[in-house]
Amino acid sequence: SSIFLLGPMLGRLRRAVVTYPGGCDIGLRPIDLHLQGLRALGVRIDE
């Protein structure tokens, strides 16, 4: 759930640096959709 901080940090600071999140090993659970949604709001993302 640390990935939840990406959106509010951008909303407040307009910048964020996060690592790929952890949690239970139940599958890949890619965060592509998170990044896709943020890009639609004008966020520039560099991995």
ModelCIF file with pLDDT and N, C-alpha, C, O atoms, coordinates in Angstrom:
data_MODEL
#
_entry.id   MODEL 
#
_entity.id                         1 
_entity.type                       polymer 
_entity.pdbx_number_of_molecules   1 
#
_entity_poly.entity_id                      1 
_entity_poly.type                           'polypeptide(L)' 
_entity_poly.nstd_linkage                   no 
_entity_poly.nstd_monomer                   no 
_entity_poly.pdbx_seq_one_letter_code       SSIFLLGPMLGRLRRAVVTYPGGCDIGLRPIDLHLQGLRALGVRIDE 
_entity_poly.pdbx_seq_one_letter_code_can   SSIFLLGPMLGRLRRAVVTYPGGCDIGLRPIDLHLQGLRALGVRIDE 
_entity_poly.pdbx_strand_id                 A 
#
loop_
_entity_poly_seq.entity_id 
_entity_poly_seq.num 
_entity_poly_seq.mon_id 
_entity_poly_seq.hetero 
1 1  SER n 
1 2  SER n 
1 3  ILE n 
1 4  PHE n 
1 5  LEU n 
1 6  LEU n 
1 7  GLY n 
1 8  PRO n 
1 9  MET n 
1 10 LEU n 
1 11 GLY n 
1 12 ARG n 
1 13 LEU n 
1 14 ARG n 
1 15 ARG n 
1 16 ALA n 
1 17 VAL n 
1 18 VAL n 
1 19 THR n 
1 20 TYR n 
1 21 PRO n 
1 22 GLY n 
1 23 GLY n 
1 24 CYS n 
1 25 ASP n 
1 26 ILE n 
1 27 GLY n 
1 28 LEU n 
1 29 ARG n 
1 30 PRO n 
1 31 ILE n 
1 32 ASP n 
1 33 LEU n 
1 34 HIS n 
1 35 LEU n 
1 36 GLN n 
1 37 GLY n 
1 38 LEU n 
1 39 ARG n 
1 40 ALA n 
1 41 LEU n 
1 42 GLY n 
1 43 VAL n 
1 44 ARG n 
1 45 ILE n 
1 46 ASP n 
1 47 GLU n 
#
_struct_asym.id          A 
_struct_asym.entity_id   1 
#
loop_
_ma_qa_metric.id 
_ma_qa_metric.mode 
_ma_qa_metric.name 
_ma_qa_metric.software_group_id 
_ma_qa_metric.type 
1 global pLDDT . pLDDT 
2 local  pLDDT . pLDDT 
#
_ma_qa_metric_global.metric_id      1 
_ma_qa_metric_global.metric_value   81.19 
_ma_qa_metric_global.model_id       1 
_ma_qa_metric_global.ordinal_id     1 
#
loop_
_ma_qa_metric_local.label_asym_id 
_ma_qa_metric_local.label_comp_id 
_ma_qa_metric_local.label_seq_id 
_ma_qa_metric_local.metric_id 
_ma_qa_metric_local.metric_value 
_ma_qa_metric_local.model_id 
_ma_qa_metric_local.ordinal_id 
A SER 1  2 64.00 1 1  
A SER 2  2 75.00 1 2  
A ILE 3  2 81.00 1 3  
A PHE 4  2 82.00 1 4  
A LEU 5  2 88.00 1 5  
A LEU 6  2 91.00 1 6  
A GLY 7  2 94.00 1 7  
A PRO 8  2 95.00 1 8  
A MET 9  2 94.00 1 9  
A LEU 10 2 95.00 1 10 
A GLY 11 2 94.00 1 11 
A ARG 12 2 95.00 1 12 
A LEU 13 2 94.00 1 13 
A ARG 14 2 95.00 1 14 
A ARG 15 2 94.00 1 15 
A ALA 16 2 91.00 1 16 
A VAL 17 2 88.00 1 17 
A VAL 18 2 83.00 1 18 
A THR 19 2 77.00 1 19 
A TYR 20 2 71.00 1 20 
A PRO 21 2 64.00 1 21 
A GLY 22 2 53.00 1 22 
A GLY 23 2 45.00 1 23 
A CYS 24 2 46.00 1 24 
A ASP 25 2 46.00 1 25 
A ILE 26 2 41.00 1 26 
A GLY 27 2 42.00 1 27 
A LEU 28 2 42.00 1 28 
A ARG 29 2 48.00 1 29 
A PRO 30 2 67.00 1 30 
A ILE 31 2 83.00 1 31 
A ASP 32 2 87.00 1 32 
A LEU 33 2 92.00 1 33 
A HIS 34 2 92.00 1 34 
A LEU 35 2 92.00 1 35 
A GLN 36 2 94.00 1 36 
A GLY 37 2 96.00 1 37 
A LEU 38 2 96.00 1 38 
A ARG 39 2 96.00 1 39 
A ALA 40 2 97.00 1 40 
A LEU 41 2 97.00 1 41 
A GLY 42 2 97.00 1 42 
A VAL 43 2 97.00 1 43 
A ARG 44 2 97.00 1 44 
A ILE 45 2 93.00 1 45 
A ASP 46 2 92.00 1 46 
A GLU 47 2 83.00 1 47 
#
loop_
_atom_site.group_PDB 
_atom_site.id 
_atom_site.type_symbol 
_atom_site.label_atom_id 
_atom_site.label_alt_id 
_atom_site.label_comp_id 
_atom_site.label_asym_id 
_atom_site.label_entity_id 
_atom_site.label_seq_id 
_atom_site.pdbx_PDB_ins_code 
_atom_site.Cartn_x 
_atom_site.Cartn_y 
_atom_site.Cartn_z 
_atom_site.occupancy 
_atom_site.B_iso_or_equiv 
_atom_site.pdbx_formal_charge 
_atom_site.auth_seq_id 
_atom_site.auth_comp_id 
_atom_site.auth_asym_id 
_atom_site.auth_atom_id 
_atom_site.pdbx_PDB_model_num 
ATOM 1   N N  . SER A 1 1  ? 0.804  -1.220  0.000   1.00 64.00 ? 1  SER A N  1 
ATOM 2   C CA . SER A 1 1  ? 0.000  0.000   0.000   1.00 64.00 ? 1  SER A CA 1 
ATOM 3   C C  . SER A 1 1  ? 0.836  1.268   0.000   1.00 64.00 ? 1  SER A C  1 
ATOM 4   O O  . SER A 1 1  ? 0.281  2.365   -0.074  1.00 64.00 ? 1  SER A O  1 
ATOM 5   N N  . SER A 1 2  ? 2.150  1.150   0.080   1.00 75.00 ? 2  SER A N  1 
ATOM 6   C CA . SER A 1 2  ? 2.990  2.349   -0.020  1.00 75.00 ? 2  SER A CA 1 
ATOM 7   C C  . SER A 1 2  ? 2.802  3.049   -1.358  1.00 75.00 ? 2  SER A C  1 
ATOM 8   O O  . SER A 1 2  ? 3.033  4.254   -1.463  1.00 75.00 ? 2  SER A O  1 
ATOM 9   N N  . ILE A 1 3  ? 2.383  2.306   -2.389  1.00 81.00 ? 3  ILE A N  1 
ATOM 10  C CA . ILE A 1 3  ? 2.174  2.940   -3.694  1.00 81.00 ? 3  ILE A CA 1 
ATOM 11  C C  . ILE A 1 3  ? 1.040  3.950   -3.640  1.00 81.00 ? 3  ILE A C  1 
ATOM 12  O O  . ILE A 1 3  ? 0.965  4.840   -4.487  1.00 81.00 ? 3  ILE A O  1 
ATOM 13  N N  . PHE A 1 4  ? 0.136  3.824   -2.633  1.00 82.00 ? 4  PHE A N  1 
ATOM 14  C CA . PHE A 1 4  ? -0.941 4.798   -2.478  1.00 82.00 ? 4  PHE A CA 1 
ATOM 15  C C  . PHE A 1 4  ? -0.401 6.206   -2.221  1.00 82.00 ? 4  PHE A C  1 
ATOM 16  O O  . PHE A 1 4  ? -1.102 7.188   -2.464  1.00 82.00 ? 4  PHE A O  1 
ATOM 17  N N  . LEU A 1 5  ? 0.816  6.312   -1.739  1.00 88.00 ? 5  LEU A N  1 
ATOM 18  C CA . LEU A 1 5  ? 1.374  7.621   -1.408  1.00 88.00 ? 5  LEU A CA 1 
ATOM 19  C C  . LEU A 1 5  ? 1.789  8.404   -2.642  1.00 88.00 ? 5  LEU A C  1 
ATOM 20  O O  . LEU A 1 5  ? 1.996  9.615   -2.565  1.00 88.00 ? 5  LEU A O  1 
ATOM 21  N N  . LEU A 1 6  ? 1.912  7.731   -3.775  1.00 91.00 ? 6  LEU A N  1 
ATOM 22  C CA . LEU A 1 6  ? 2.371  8.397   -4.984  1.00 91.00 ? 6  LEU A CA 1 
ATOM 23  C C  . LEU A 1 6  ? 1.425  9.513   -5.397  1.00 91.00 ? 6  LEU A C  1 
ATOM 24  O O  . LEU A 1 6  ? 1.867  10.632  -5.655  1.00 91.00 ? 6  LEU A O  1 
ATOM 25  N N  . GLY A 1 7  ? 0.123  9.225   -5.462  1.00 94.00 ? 7  GLY A N  1 
ATOM 26  C CA . GLY A 1 7  ? -0.851 10.231  -5.869  1.00 94.00 ? 7  GLY A CA 1 
ATOM 27  C C  . GLY A 1 7  ? -0.907 11.427  -4.941  1.00 94.00 ? 7  GLY A C  1 
ATOM 28  O O  . GLY A 1 7  ? -0.797 12.559  -5.414  1.00 94.00 ? 7  GLY A O  1 
ATOM 29  N N  . PRO A 1 8  ? -1.077 11.226  -3.613  1.00 95.00 ? 8  PRO A N  1 
ATOM 30  C CA . PRO A 1 8  ? -1.143 12.376  -2.718  1.00 95.00 ? 8  PRO A CA 1 
ATOM 31  C C  . PRO A 1 8  ? 0.156  13.169  -2.631  1.00 95.00 ? 8  PRO A C  1 
ATOM 32  O O  . PRO A 1 8  ? 0.115  14.385  -2.446  1.00 95.00 ? 8  PRO A O  1 
ATOM 33  N N  . MET A 1 9  ? 1.315  12.508  -2.760  1.00 94.00 ? 9  MET A N  1 
ATOM 34  C CA . MET A 1 9  ? 2.568  13.259  -2.756  1.00 94.00 ? 9  MET A CA 1 
ATOM 35  C C  . MET A 1 9  ? 2.662  14.172  -3.969  1.00 94.00 ? 9  MET A C  1 
ATOM 36  O O  . MET A 1 9  ? 3.140  15.302  -3.872  1.00 94.00 ? 9  MET A O  1 
ATOM 37  N N  . LEU A 1 10 ? 2.202  13.672  -5.115  1.00 95.00 ? 10 LEU A N  1 
ATOM 38  C CA . LEU A 1 10 ? 2.170  14.522  -6.308  1.00 95.00 ? 10 LEU A CA 1 
ATOM 39  C C  . LEU A 1 10 ? 1.160  15.650  -6.134  1.00 95.00 ? 10 LEU A C  1 
ATOM 40  O O  . LEU A 1 10 ? 1.417  16.784  -6.535  1.00 95.00 ? 10 LEU A O  1 
ATOM 41  N N  . GLY A 1 11 ? 0.014  15.340  -5.539  1.00 94.00 ? 11 GLY A N  1 
ATOM 42  C CA . GLY A 1 11 ? -0.993 16.375  -5.321  1.00 94.00 ? 11 GLY A CA 1 
ATOM 43  C C  . GLY A 1 11 ? -0.497 17.475  -4.403  1.00 94.00 ? 11 GLY A C  1 
ATOM 44  O O  . GLY A 1 11 ? -0.841 18.642  -4.596  1.00 94.00 ? 11 GLY A O  1 
ATOM 45  N N  . ARG A 1 12 ? 0.304  17.125  -3.411  1.00 95.00 ? 12 ARG A N  1 
ATOM 46  C CA . ARG A 1 12 ? 0.778  18.099  -2.424  1.00 95.00 ? 12 ARG A CA 1 
ATOM 47  C C  . ARG A 1 12 ? 2.098  18.752  -2.831  1.00 95.00 ? 12 ARG A C  1 
ATOM 48  O O  . ARG A 1 12 ? 2.234  19.974  -2.756  1.00 95.00 ? 12 ARG A O  1 
ATOM 49  N N  . LEU A 1 13 ? 3.086  17.935  -3.268  1.00 94.00 ? 13 LEU A N  1 
ATOM 50  C CA . LEU A 1 13 ? 4.429  18.454  -3.547  1.00 94.00 ? 13 LEU A CA 1 
ATOM 51  C C  . LEU A 1 13 ? 4.716  18.636  -5.031  1.00 94.00 ? 13 LEU A C  1 
ATOM 52  O O  . LEU A 1 13 ? 5.660  19.326  -5.416  1.00 94.00 ? 13 LEU A O  1 
ATOM 53  N N  . ARG A 1 14 ? 3.877  18.000  -5.866  1.00 95.00 ? 14 ARG A N  1 
ATOM 54  C CA . ARG A 1 14 ? 4.076  17.993  -7.317  1.00 95.00 ? 14 ARG A CA 1 
ATOM 55  C C  . ARG A 1 14 ? 5.344  17.248  -7.732  1.00 95.00 ? 14 ARG A C  1 
ATOM 56  O O  . ARG A 1 14 ? 5.835  17.422  -8.848  1.00 95.00 ? 14 ARG A O  1 
ATOM 57  N N  . ARG A 1 15 ? 5.866  16.426  -6.838  1.00 94.00 ? 15 ARG A N  1 
ATOM 58  C CA . ARG A 1 15 ? 7.015  15.590  -7.159  1.00 94.00 ? 15 ARG A CA 1 
ATOM 59  C C  . ARG A 1 15 ? 7.033  14.415  -6.186  1.00 94.00 ? 15 ARG A C  1 
ATOM 60  O O  . ARG A 1 15 ? 6.664  14.555  -5.020  1.00 94.00 ? 15 ARG A O  1 
ATOM 61  N N  . ALA A 1 16 ? 7.469  13.251  -6.682  1.00 91.00 ? 16 ALA A N  1 
ATOM 62  C CA . ALA A 1 16 ? 7.565  12.077  -5.818  1.00 91.00 ? 16 ALA A CA 1 
ATOM 63  C C  . ALA A 1 16 ? 8.568  11.099  -6.402  1.00 91.00 ? 16 ALA A C  1 
ATOM 64  O O  . ALA A 1 16 ? 8.694  10.961  -7.618  1.00 91.00 ? 16 ALA A O  1 
ATOM 65  N N  . VAL A 1 17 ? 9.272  10.430  -5.516  1.00 88.00 ? 17 VAL A N  1 
ATOM 66  C CA . VAL A 1 17 ? 10.202 9.371   -5.910  1.00 88.00 ? 17 VAL A CA 1 
ATOM 67  C C  . VAL A 1 17 ? 9.854  8.146   -5.064  1.00 88.00 ? 17 VAL A C  1 
ATOM 68  O O  . VAL A 1 17 ? 9.940  8.186   -3.836  1.00 88.00 ? 17 VAL A O  1 
ATOM 69  N N  . VAL A 1 18 ? 9.465  7.072   -5.722  1.00 83.00 ? 18 VAL A N  1 
ATOM 70  C CA . VAL A 1 18 ? 9.066  5.867   -4.996  1.00 83.00 ? 18 VAL A CA 1 
ATOM 71  C C  . VAL A 1 18 ? 9.792  4.663   -5.565  1.00 83.00 ? 18 VAL A C  1 
ATOM 72  O O  . VAL A 1 18 ? 10.208 4.657   -6.723  1.00 83.00 ? 18 VAL A O  1 
ATOM 73  N N  . THR A 1 19 ? 9.937  3.641   -4.728  1.00 77.00 ? 19 THR A N  1 
ATOM 74  C CA . THR A 1 19 ? 10.459 2.365   -5.181  1.00 77.00 ? 19 THR A CA 1 
ATOM 75  C C  . THR A 1 19 ? 9.297  1.440   -5.474  1.00 77.00 ? 19 THR A C  1 
ATOM 76  O O  . THR A 1 19 ? 8.161  1.719   -5.090  1.00 77.00 ? 19 THR A O  1 
ATOM 77  N N  . TYR A 1 20 ? 9.575  0.347   -6.148  1.00 71.00 ? 20 TYR A N  1 
ATOM 78  C CA . TYR A 1 20 ? 8.499  -0.609  -6.410  1.00 71.00 ? 20 TYR A CA 1 
ATOM 79  C C  . TYR A 1 20 ? 8.058  -1.230  -5.096  1.00 71.00 ? 20 TYR A C  1 
ATOM 80  O O  . TYR A 1 20 ? 8.900  -1.641  -4.297  1.00 71.00 ? 20 TYR A O  1 
ATOM 81  N N  . PRO A 1 21 ? 6.738  -1.306  -4.855  1.00 64.00 ? 21 PRO A N  1 
ATOM 82  C CA . PRO A 1 21 ? 6.242  -1.711  -3.535  1.00 64.00 ? 21 PRO A CA 1 
ATOM 83  C C  . PRO A 1 21 ? 6.357  -3.202  -3.306  1.00 64.00 ? 21 PRO A C  1 
ATOM 84  O O  . PRO A 1 21 ? 6.515  -3.989  -4.239  1.00 64.00 ? 21 PRO A O  1 
ATOM 85  N N  . GLY A 1 22 ? 6.270  -3.577  -2.006  1.00 53.00 ? 22 GLY A N  1 
ATOM 86  C CA . GLY A 1 22 ? 6.322  -4.980  -1.617  1.00 53.00 ? 22 GLY A CA 1 
ATOM 87  C C  . GLY A 1 22 ? 4.960  -5.479  -1.199  1.00 53.00 ? 22 GLY A C  1 
ATOM 88  O O  . GLY A 1 22 ? 3.949  -5.116  -1.800  1.00 53.00 ? 22 GLY A O  1 
ATOM 89  N N  . GLY A 1 23 ? 4.926  -6.329  -0.151  1.00 45.00 ? 23 GLY A N  1 
ATOM 90  C CA . GLY A 1 23 ? 3.678  -6.923  0.314   1.00 45.00 ? 23 GLY A CA 1 
ATOM 91  C C  . GLY A 1 23 ? 3.714  -8.428  0.159   1.00 45.00 ? 23 GLY A C  1 
ATOM 92  O O  . GLY A 1 23 ? 4.793  -9.008  0.037   1.00 45.00 ? 23 GLY A O  1 
ATOM 93  N N  . CYS A 1 24 ? 2.562  -9.072  0.161   1.00 46.00 ? 24 CYS A N  1 
ATOM 94  C CA . CYS A 1 24 ? 2.494  -10.525 0.033   1.00 46.00 ? 24 CYS A CA 1 
ATOM 95  C C  . CYS A 1 24 ? 2.888  -10.957 -1.374  1.00 46.00 ? 24 CYS A C  1 
ATOM 96  O O  . CYS A 1 24 ? 2.640  -10.249 -2.350  1.00 46.00 ? 24 CYS A O  1 
ATOM 97  N N  . ASP A 1 25 ? 3.507  -12.134 -1.460  1.00 46.00 ? 25 ASP A N  1 
ATOM 98  C CA . ASP A 1 25 ? 3.914  -12.689 -2.740  1.00 46.00 ? 25 ASP A CA 1 
ATOM 99  C C  . ASP A 1 25 ? 2.757  -13.477 -3.342  1.00 46.00 ? 25 ASP A C  1 
ATOM 100 O O  . ASP A 1 25 ? 2.736  -14.707 -3.282  1.00 46.00 ? 25 ASP A O  1 
ATOM 101 N N  . ILE A 1 26 ? 1.786  -12.754 -3.927  1.00 41.00 ? 26 ILE A N  1 
ATOM 102 C CA . ILE A 1 26 ? 0.618  -13.427 -4.502  1.00 41.00 ? 26 ILE A CA 1 
ATOM 103 C C  . ILE A 1 26 ? 0.508  -13.167 -5.997  1.00 41.00 ? 26 ILE A C  1 
ATOM 104 O O  . ILE A 1 26 ? -0.538 -13.417 -6.596  1.00 41.00 ? 26 ILE A O  1 
ATOM 105 N N  . GLY A 1 27 ? 1.586  -12.663 -6.605  1.00 42.00 ? 27 GLY A N  1 
ATOM 106 C CA . GLY A 1 27 ? 1.562  -12.398 -8.036  1.00 42.00 ? 27 GLY A CA 1 
ATOM 107 C C  . GLY A 1 27 ? 2.309  -11.122 -8.364  1.00 42.00 ? 27 GLY A C  1 
ATOM 108 O O  . GLY A 1 27 ? 2.820  -10.436 -7.479  1.00 42.00 ? 27 GLY A O  1 
ATOM 109 N N  . LEU A 1 28 ? 2.365  -10.817 -9.641  1.00 42.00 ? 28 LEU A N  1 
ATOM 110 C CA . LEU A 1 28 ? 3.150  -9.676  -10.096 1.00 42.00 ? 28 LEU A CA 1 
ATOM 111 C C  . LEU A 1 28 ? 2.563  -8.338  -9.652  1.00 42.00 ? 28 LEU A C  1 
ATOM 112 O O  . LEU A 1 28 ? 3.304  -7.432  -9.271  1.00 42.00 ? 28 LEU A O  1 
ATOM 113 N N  . ARG A 1 29 ? 1.246  -8.210  -9.697  1.00 48.00 ? 29 ARG A N  1 
ATOM 114 C CA . ARG A 1 29 ? 0.559  -6.978  -9.307  1.00 48.00 ? 29 ARG A CA 1 
ATOM 115 C C  . ARG A 1 29 ? 1.269  -5.735  -9.868  1.00 48.00 ? 29 ARG A C  1 
ATOM 116 O O  . ARG A 1 29 ? 1.691  -4.870  -9.101  1.00 48.00 ? 29 ARG A O  1 
ATOM 117 N N  . PRO A 1 30 ? 1.402  -5.640  -11.185 1.00 67.00 ? 30 PRO A N  1 
ATOM 118 C CA . PRO A 1 30 ? 2.123  -4.510  -11.765 1.00 67.00 ? 30 PRO A CA 1 
ATOM 119 C C  . PRO A 1 30 ? 1.435  -3.189  -11.468 1.00 67.00 ? 30 PRO A C  1 
ATOM 120 O O  . PRO A 1 30 ? 0.220  -3.133  -11.279 1.00 67.00 ? 30 PRO A O  1 
ATOM 121 N N  . ILE A 1 31 ? 2.236  -2.120  -11.430 1.00 83.00 ? 31 ILE A N  1 
ATOM 122 C CA . ILE A 1 31 ? 1.682  -0.795  -11.142 1.00 83.00 ? 31 ILE A CA 1 
ATOM 123 C C  . ILE A 1 31 ? 1.528  0.031   -12.416 1.00 83.00 ? 31 ILE A C  1 
ATOM 124 O O  . ILE A 1 31 ? 1.413  1.255   -12.362 1.00 83.00 ? 31 ILE A O  1 
ATOM 125 N N  . ASP A 1 32 ? 1.527  -0.652  -13.565 1.00 87.00 ? 32 ASP A N  1 
ATOM 126 C CA . ASP A 1 32 ? 1.394  0.061   -14.835 1.00 87.00 ? 32 ASP A CA 1 
ATOM 127 C C  . ASP A 1 32 ? 0.136  0.932   -14.872 1.00 87.00 ? 32 ASP A C  1 
ATOM 128 O O  . ASP A 1 32 ? 0.171  2.047   -15.393 1.00 87.00 ? 32 ASP A O  1 
ATOM 129 N N  . LEU A 1 33 ? -0.981 0.429   -14.319 1.00 92.00 ? 33 LEU A N  1 
ATOM 130 C CA . LEU A 1 33 ? -2.217 1.196   -14.369 1.00 92.00 ? 33 LEU A CA 1 
ATOM 131 C C  . LEU A 1 33 ? -2.123 2.459   -13.523 1.00 92.00 ? 33 LEU A C  1 
ATOM 132 O O  . LEU A 1 33 ? -2.687 3.489   -13.889 1.00 92.00 ? 33 LEU A O  1 
ATOM 133 N N  . HIS A 1 34 ? -1.415 2.394   -12.393 1.00 92.00 ? 34 HIS A N  1 
ATOM 134 C CA . HIS A 1 34 ? -1.198 3.591   -11.576 1.00 92.00 ? 34 HIS A CA 1 
ATOM 135 C C  . HIS A 1 34 ? -0.478 4.657   -12.408 1.00 92.00 ? 34 HIS A C  1 
ATOM 136 O O  . HIS A 1 34 ? -0.880 5.820   -12.442 1.00 92.00 ? 34 HIS A O  1 
ATOM 137 N N  . LEU A 1 35 ? 0.602  4.226   -13.079 1.00 92.00 ? 35 LEU A N  1 
ATOM 138 C CA . LEU A 1 35 ? 1.411  5.179   -13.847 1.00 92.00 ? 35 LEU A CA 1 
ATOM 139 C C  . LEU A 1 35 ? 0.649  5.694   -15.064 1.00 92.00 ? 35 LEU A C  1 
ATOM 140 O O  . LEU A 1 35 ? 0.763  6.866   -15.422 1.00 92.00 ? 35 LEU A O  1 
ATOM 141 N N  . GLN A 1 36 ? -0.127 4.820   -15.696 1.00 94.00 ? 36 GLN A N  1 
ATOM 142 C CA . GLN A 1 36 ? -0.953 5.248   -16.834 1.00 94.00 ? 36 GLN A CA 1 
ATOM 143 C C  . GLN A 1 36 ? -1.918 6.342   -16.418 1.00 94.00 ? 36 GLN A C  1 
ATOM 144 O O  . GLN A 1 36 ? -2.066 7.343   -17.119 1.00 94.00 ? 36 GLN A O  1 
ATOM 145 N N  . GLY A 1 37 ? -2.580 6.159   -15.276 1.00 96.00 ? 37 GLY A N  1 
ATOM 146 C CA . GLY A 1 37 ? -3.539 7.153   -14.802 1.00 96.00 ? 37 GLY A CA 1 
ATOM 147 C C  . GLY A 1 37 ? -2.878 8.478   -14.482 1.00 96.00 ? 37 GLY A C  1 
ATOM 148 O O  . GLY A 1 37 ? -3.427 9.536   -14.789 1.00 96.00 ? 37 GLY A O  1 
ATOM 149 N N  . LEU A 1 38 ? -1.700 8.434   -13.867 1.00 96.00 ? 38 LEU A N  1 
ATOM 150 C CA . LEU A 1 38 ? -1.003 9.671   -13.515 1.00 96.00 ? 38 LEU A CA 1 
ATOM 151 C C  . LEU A 1 38 ? -0.490 10.396  -14.759 1.00 96.00 ? 38 LEU A C  1 
ATOM 152 O O  . LEU A 1 38 ? -0.501 11.625  -14.819 1.00 96.00 ? 38 LEU A O  1 
ATOM 153 N N  . ARG A 1 39 ? -0.047 9.632   -15.740 1.00 96.00 ? 39 ARG A N  1 
ATOM 154 C CA . ARG A 1 39 ? 0.398  10.274  -16.989 1.00 96.00 ? 39 ARG A CA 1 
ATOM 155 C C  . ARG A 1 39 ? -0.758 11.026  -17.660 1.00 96.00 ? 39 ARG A C  1 
ATOM 156 O O  . ARG A 1 39 ? -0.548 12.067  -18.283 1.00 96.00 ? 39 ARG A O  1 
ATOM 157 N N  . ALA A 1 40 ? -1.982 10.492  -17.527 1.00 97.00 ? 40 ALA A N  1 
ATOM 158 C CA . ALA A 1 40 ? -3.141 11.171  -18.109 1.00 97.00 ? 40 ALA A CA 1 
ATOM 159 C C  . ALA A 1 40 ? -3.412 12.509  -17.433 1.00 97.00 ? 40 ALA A C  1 
ATOM 160 O O  . ALA A 1 40 ? -4.115 13.356  -17.985 1.00 97.00 ? 40 ALA A O  1 
ATOM 161 N N  . LEU A 1 41 ? -2.852 12.702  -16.229 1.00 97.00 ? 41 LEU A N  1 
ATOM 162 C CA . LEU A 1 41 ? -2.997 13.975  -15.518 1.00 97.00 ? 41 LEU A CA 1 
ATOM 163 C C  . LEU A 1 41 ? -1.798 14.892  -15.739 1.00 97.00 ? 41 LEU A C  1 
ATOM 164 O O  . LEU A 1 41 ? -1.659 15.907  -15.057 1.00 97.00 ? 41 LEU A O  1 
ATOM 165 N N  . GLY A 1 42 ? -0.941 14.543  -16.680 1.00 97.00 ? 42 GLY A N  1 
ATOM 166 C CA . GLY A 1 42 ? 0.191  15.409  -17.010 1.00 97.00 ? 42 GLY A CA 1 
ATOM 167 C C  . GLY A 1 42 ? 1.454  15.140  -16.231 1.00 97.00 ? 42 GLY A C  1 
ATOM 168 O O  . GLY A 1 42 ? 2.388  15.940  -16.285 1.00 97.00 ? 42 GLY A O  1 
ATOM 169 N N  . VAL A 1 43 ? 1.513  14.027  -15.501 1.00 97.00 ? 43 VAL A N  1 
ATOM 170 C CA . VAL A 1 43 ? 2.714  13.695  -14.725 1.00 97.00 ? 43 VAL A CA 1 
ATOM 171 C C  . VAL A 1 43 ? 3.768  13.091  -15.648 1.00 97.00 ? 43 VAL A C  1 
ATOM 172 O O  . VAL A 1 43 ? 3.480  12.180  -16.425 1.00 97.00 ? 43 VAL A O  1 
ATOM 173 N N  . ARG A 1 44 ? 4.984  13.604  -15.553 1.00 97.00 ? 44 ARG A N  1 
ATOM 174 C CA . ARG A 1 44 ? 6.124  13.031  -16.286 1.00 97.00 ? 44 ARG A CA 1 
ATOM 175 C C  . ARG A 1 44 ? 6.777  11.988  -15.400 1.00 97.00 ? 44 ARG A C  1 
ATOM 176 O O  . ARG A 1 44 ? 7.123  12.273  -14.253 1.00 97.00 ? 44 ARG A O  1 
ATOM 177 N N  . ILE A 1 45 ? 6.947  10.776  -15.926 1.00 93.00 ? 45 ILE A N  1 
ATOM 178 C CA . ILE A 1 45 ? 7.427  9.648   -15.134 1.00 93.00 ? 45 ILE A CA 1 
ATOM 179 C C  . ILE A 1 45 ? 8.670  9.056   -15.773 1.00 93.00 ? 45 ILE A C  1 
ATOM 180 O O  . ILE A 1 45 ? 8.699  8.759   -16.967 1.00 93.00 ? 45 ILE A O  1 
ATOM 181 N N  . ASP A 1 46 ? 9.701  8.892   -14.945 1.00 92.00 ? 46 ASP A N  1 
ATOM 182 C CA . ASP A 1 46 ? 10.963 8.315   -15.388 1.00 92.00 ? 46 ASP A CA 1 
ATOM 183 C C  . ASP A 1 46 ? 11.266 7.125   -14.483 1.00 92.00 ? 46 ASP A C  1 
ATOM 184 O O  . ASP A 1 46 ? 11.422 7.296   -13.274 1.00 92.00 ? 46 ASP A O  1 
ATOM 185 N N  . GLU A 1 47 ? 11.351 5.933   -15.047 1.00 83.00 ? 47 GLU A N  1 
ATOM 186 C CA . GLU A 1 47 ? 11.659 4.740   -14.271 1.00 83.00 ? 47 GLU A CA 1 
ATOM 187 C C  . GLU A 1 47 ? 13.127 4.384   -14.472 1.00 83.00 ? 47 GLU A C  1 
ATOM 188 O O  . GLU A 1 47 ? 13.607 3.402   -13.906 1.00 83.00 ? 47 GLU A O  1 
#
